[in-house]
N, C-alpha and C. Protein backbone atom coordinates (compact mmCIF):
# COMPACT_ATOMS: atom_id res chain seq x y z
N MET A 1 -9.81 1.35 15.87
CA MET A 1 -9.32 1.11 14.53
C MET A 1 -8.25 2.13 14.16
N VAL A 2 -8.45 3.37 14.56
CA VAL A 2 -7.47 4.41 14.24
C VAL A 2 -6.16 4.13 14.95
N THR A 3 -6.22 3.68 16.20
CA THR A 3 -4.97 3.43 16.92
C THR A 3 -4.22 2.24 16.33
N LEU A 4 -4.94 1.21 15.87
CA LEU A 4 -4.28 0.07 15.22
C LEU A 4 -3.63 0.52 13.91
N ARG A 5 -4.34 1.36 13.18
CA ARG A 5 -3.80 1.89 11.92
C ARG A 5 -2.52 2.67 12.19
N ARG A 6 -2.54 3.53 13.18
CA ARG A 6 -1.35 4.34 13.52
C ARG A 6 -0.22 3.46 14.03
N THR A 7 -0.55 2.41 14.79
CA THR A 7 0.46 1.50 15.31
C THR A 7 1.17 0.76 14.18
N ILE A 8 0.42 0.35 13.18
CA ILE A 8 1.01 -0.34 12.04
C ILE A 8 1.82 0.62 11.18
N GLN A 9 1.37 1.86 11.07
CA GLN A 9 2.08 2.84 10.25
C GLN A 9 3.34 3.38 10.93
N ALA A 10 3.44 3.31 12.24
CA ALA A 10 4.58 3.89 12.97
C ALA A 10 5.93 3.34 12.52
N PRO A 11 6.12 2.01 12.42
CA PRO A 11 7.43 1.53 11.97
C PRO A 11 7.75 1.94 10.53
N ILE A 12 6.73 2.08 9.70
CA ILE A 12 6.96 2.51 8.32
C ILE A 12 7.44 3.95 8.31
N ARG A 13 6.84 4.77 9.15
CA ARG A 13 7.26 6.18 9.24
C ARG A 13 8.70 6.30 9.78
N VAL A 14 9.05 5.46 10.76
CA VAL A 14 10.42 5.45 11.29
C VAL A 14 11.39 5.05 10.19
N TYR A 15 11.05 4.01 9.42
CA TYR A 15 11.89 3.59 8.30
C TYR A 15 12.08 4.75 7.32
N ARG A 16 10.99 5.41 6.93
CA ARG A 16 11.07 6.50 5.96
C ARG A 16 11.92 7.67 6.48
N ARG A 17 11.84 7.94 7.76
CA ARG A 17 12.54 9.09 8.32
C ARG A 17 14.02 8.84 8.60
N TYR A 18 14.33 7.64 9.12
CA TYR A 18 15.69 7.42 9.60
C TYR A 18 16.51 6.40 8.80
N ILE A 19 15.89 5.40 8.23
CA ILE A 19 16.64 4.35 7.55
C ILE A 19 16.73 4.59 6.05
N SER A 20 15.63 4.96 5.44
CA SER A 20 15.60 5.16 3.99
C SER A 20 16.61 6.21 3.50
N PRO A 21 16.79 7.34 4.20
CA PRO A 21 17.76 8.33 3.71
C PRO A 21 19.21 7.86 3.72
N ILE A 22 19.52 6.79 4.44
CA ILE A 22 20.90 6.31 4.54
C ILE A 22 21.38 5.73 3.22
N LYS A 23 20.49 5.05 2.52
CA LYS A 23 20.88 4.38 1.28
C LYS A 23 20.34 5.15 0.06
N PRO A 24 20.96 4.98 -1.09
CA PRO A 24 20.47 5.68 -2.28
C PRO A 24 19.11 5.14 -2.72
N ALA A 25 18.34 5.97 -3.38
CA ALA A 25 17.01 5.58 -3.86
C ALA A 25 17.14 4.48 -4.91
N THR A 26 16.49 3.36 -4.67
CA THR A 26 16.57 2.24 -5.61
C THR A 26 15.20 1.65 -5.92
N CYS A 27 14.15 2.26 -5.47
CA CYS A 27 12.81 1.69 -5.65
C CYS A 27 12.44 1.68 -7.13
N ARG A 28 11.94 0.55 -7.59
CA ARG A 28 11.56 0.41 -8.99
C ARG A 28 10.11 0.79 -9.23
N PHE A 29 9.38 1.13 -8.19
CA PHE A 29 7.97 1.49 -8.29
C PHE A 29 7.75 2.95 -7.95
N TYR A 30 6.64 3.49 -8.43
CA TYR A 30 6.17 4.80 -7.99
C TYR A 30 4.71 4.65 -7.64
N PRO A 31 4.28 4.99 -6.46
CA PRO A 31 5.05 5.51 -5.33
C PRO A 31 5.95 4.43 -4.73
N THR A 32 6.88 4.88 -3.91
CA THR A 32 7.79 3.92 -3.28
C THR A 32 7.00 2.93 -2.43
N CYS A 33 7.61 1.81 -2.10
CA CYS A 33 6.91 0.77 -1.33
C CYS A 33 6.44 1.29 0.02
N SER A 34 7.25 2.12 0.68
CA SER A 34 6.83 2.62 1.99
C SER A 34 5.67 3.61 1.86
N ALA A 35 5.70 4.46 0.84
CA ALA A 35 4.58 5.38 0.61
C ALA A 35 3.32 4.60 0.24
N TYR A 36 3.48 3.56 -0.57
CA TYR A 36 2.37 2.70 -0.95
C TYR A 36 1.76 2.05 0.29
N ALA A 37 2.61 1.54 1.18
CA ALA A 37 2.12 0.88 2.40
C ALA A 37 1.34 1.85 3.28
N LEU A 38 1.87 3.05 3.48
CA LEU A 38 1.15 4.04 4.29
C LEU A 38 -0.21 4.36 3.69
N GLU A 39 -0.25 4.58 2.38
CA GLU A 39 -1.51 4.92 1.72
C GLU A 39 -2.48 3.75 1.73
N ALA A 40 -1.99 2.54 1.48
CA ALA A 40 -2.86 1.36 1.47
C ALA A 40 -3.49 1.14 2.84
N ILE A 41 -2.73 1.31 3.90
CA ILE A 41 -3.26 1.14 5.25
C ILE A 41 -4.27 2.24 5.56
N GLU A 42 -4.01 3.45 5.10
CA GLU A 42 -4.92 4.56 5.33
C GLU A 42 -6.24 4.36 4.57
N VAL A 43 -6.16 3.92 3.34
CA VAL A 43 -7.36 3.78 2.50
C VAL A 43 -8.15 2.51 2.82
N HIS A 44 -7.45 1.39 2.95
CA HIS A 44 -8.13 0.10 3.07
C HIS A 44 -8.18 -0.45 4.49
N GLY A 45 -7.56 0.24 5.44
CA GLY A 45 -7.56 -0.26 6.80
C GLY A 45 -6.33 -1.11 7.08
N PRO A 46 -6.12 -1.45 8.34
CA PRO A 46 -4.88 -2.14 8.71
C PRO A 46 -4.72 -3.53 8.12
N LEU A 47 -5.78 -4.30 8.05
CA LEU A 47 -5.66 -5.68 7.59
C LEU A 47 -5.44 -5.77 6.07
N LYS A 48 -6.36 -5.23 5.31
CA LYS A 48 -6.24 -5.30 3.85
C LYS A 48 -5.07 -4.43 3.37
N GLY A 49 -4.87 -3.28 4.00
CA GLY A 49 -3.75 -2.42 3.61
C GLY A 49 -2.41 -3.09 3.82
N SER A 50 -2.26 -3.82 4.92
CA SER A 50 -1.01 -4.55 5.17
C SER A 50 -0.84 -5.67 4.14
N TRP A 51 -1.93 -6.34 3.79
CA TRP A 51 -1.88 -7.39 2.77
C TRP A 51 -1.44 -6.82 1.42
N LEU A 52 -2.03 -5.68 1.03
CA LEU A 52 -1.64 -5.04 -0.23
C LEU A 52 -0.17 -4.64 -0.21
N ALA A 53 0.29 -4.11 0.92
CA ALA A 53 1.70 -3.70 1.05
C ALA A 53 2.62 -4.91 0.94
N ALA A 54 2.24 -6.03 1.58
CA ALA A 54 3.06 -7.24 1.51
C ALA A 54 3.13 -7.77 0.09
N LYS A 55 2.00 -7.74 -0.62
CA LYS A 55 2.00 -8.18 -2.02
C LYS A 55 2.90 -7.28 -2.87
N ARG A 56 2.87 -5.99 -2.60
CA ARG A 56 3.70 -5.04 -3.35
C ARG A 56 5.18 -5.31 -3.09
N ILE A 57 5.55 -5.53 -1.85
CA ILE A 57 6.95 -5.80 -1.51
C ILE A 57 7.41 -7.11 -2.15
N ALA A 58 6.51 -8.09 -2.24
CA ALA A 58 6.86 -9.37 -2.87
C ALA A 58 7.14 -9.19 -4.37
N ARG A 59 6.55 -8.17 -4.99
CA ARG A 59 6.81 -7.91 -6.41
C ARG A 59 8.09 -7.12 -6.64
N CYS A 60 8.73 -6.68 -5.58
CA CYS A 60 9.94 -5.86 -5.71
C CYS A 60 11.16 -6.78 -5.84
N HIS A 61 11.46 -7.15 -7.06
CA HIS A 61 12.63 -7.98 -7.34
C HIS A 61 13.15 -7.63 -8.73
N PRO A 62 14.35 -8.04 -9.08
CA PRO A 62 14.96 -7.64 -10.35
C PRO A 62 14.21 -8.10 -11.60
N PHE A 63 13.36 -9.09 -11.48
CA PHE A 63 12.67 -9.61 -12.67
C PHE A 63 11.33 -8.95 -12.92
N HIS A 64 10.89 -8.05 -12.04
CA HIS A 64 9.65 -7.31 -12.23
C HIS A 64 10.00 -5.94 -12.81
N PRO A 65 9.27 -5.48 -13.83
CA PRO A 65 9.64 -4.21 -14.46
C PRO A 65 9.40 -2.98 -13.58
N GLY A 66 8.51 -3.05 -12.59
CA GLY A 66 8.23 -1.89 -11.77
C GLY A 66 7.33 -0.91 -12.49
N GLY A 67 7.49 0.38 -12.20
CA GLY A 67 6.69 1.40 -12.85
C GLY A 67 5.64 1.97 -11.92
N LEU A 68 4.63 2.58 -12.53
CA LEU A 68 3.54 3.21 -11.79
C LEU A 68 2.63 2.12 -11.23
N ASP A 69 2.42 2.14 -9.93
CA ASP A 69 1.59 1.13 -9.26
C ASP A 69 0.85 1.80 -8.11
N PRO A 70 -0.25 2.50 -8.40
CA PRO A 70 -0.98 3.19 -7.33
C PRO A 70 -1.78 2.22 -6.48
N VAL A 71 -2.16 2.67 -5.31
CA VAL A 71 -3.02 1.89 -4.42
C VAL A 71 -4.39 1.79 -5.08
N PRO A 72 -4.97 0.58 -5.13
CA PRO A 72 -6.29 0.46 -5.75
C PRO A 72 -7.32 1.26 -4.95
N PRO A 73 -8.28 1.86 -5.63
CA PRO A 73 -9.28 2.65 -4.91
C PRO A 73 -10.19 1.76 -4.08
N LEU A 74 -10.75 2.34 -3.06
CA LEU A 74 -11.69 1.64 -2.20
C LEU A 74 -12.98 1.44 -2.98
N GLN A 75 -13.43 0.20 -3.06
CA GLN A 75 -14.65 -0.10 -3.79
C GLN A 75 -15.82 -0.13 -2.82
N ASP A 76 -16.87 0.58 -3.18
CA ASP A 76 -18.07 0.63 -2.37
C ASP A 76 -18.89 -0.62 -2.65
N GLU A 77 -19.15 -1.43 -1.62
CA GLU A 77 -19.88 -2.68 -1.81
C GLU A 77 -21.30 -2.44 -2.28
N SER A 78 -21.94 -1.36 -1.85
CA SER A 78 -23.31 -1.11 -2.28
C SER A 78 -23.35 -0.74 -3.76
N ALA A 79 -22.30 -0.10 -4.27
CA ALA A 79 -22.24 0.23 -5.70
C ALA A 79 -22.10 -1.03 -6.52
N GLU A 80 -21.35 -2.02 -5.99
CA GLU A 80 -21.19 -3.28 -6.71
C GLU A 80 -22.53 -4.01 -6.80
N LYS A 81 -23.31 -3.98 -5.73
CA LYS A 81 -24.61 -4.66 -5.74
C LYS A 81 -25.57 -3.98 -6.71
N ASP A 82 -25.50 -2.62 -6.78
CA ASP A 82 -26.38 -1.88 -7.67
C ASP A 82 -26.04 -2.14 -9.14
N SER A 83 -24.76 -2.37 -9.43
CA SER A 83 -24.34 -2.55 -10.82
C SER A 83 -24.50 -3.98 -11.30
N ALA A 84 -24.88 -4.91 -10.41
CA ALA A 84 -25.05 -6.30 -10.81
C ALA A 84 -26.26 -6.41 -11.73
N PRO A 85 -26.16 -7.23 -12.77
CA PRO A 85 -27.27 -7.36 -13.71
C PRO A 85 -28.48 -8.00 -13.03
N ALA A 86 -29.65 -7.48 -13.35
CA ALA A 86 -30.88 -8.02 -12.80
C ALA A 86 -31.28 -9.28 -13.55
N THR A 87 -31.71 -10.27 -12.80
CA THR A 87 -32.12 -11.52 -13.46
C THR A 87 -33.59 -11.77 -13.29
């Protein structure tokens, strides 16, 4: 799982290091989409993290206001079961 995570993060890191500095900063979100993708993959794993990153990139267009958009926290499934109302 760790190697898959690193494999998916590698192109993002290359983009951040070599391609992103070429153009001026234009990201309408904080954190930037690439930082968001790295964090989402780290927190949620390669599959869900990539899905969250793709959804974030899809929102990056002139008609979306942007702003603060942190990675959602990891939800513990056992905590959700404990908080369910008893019937």
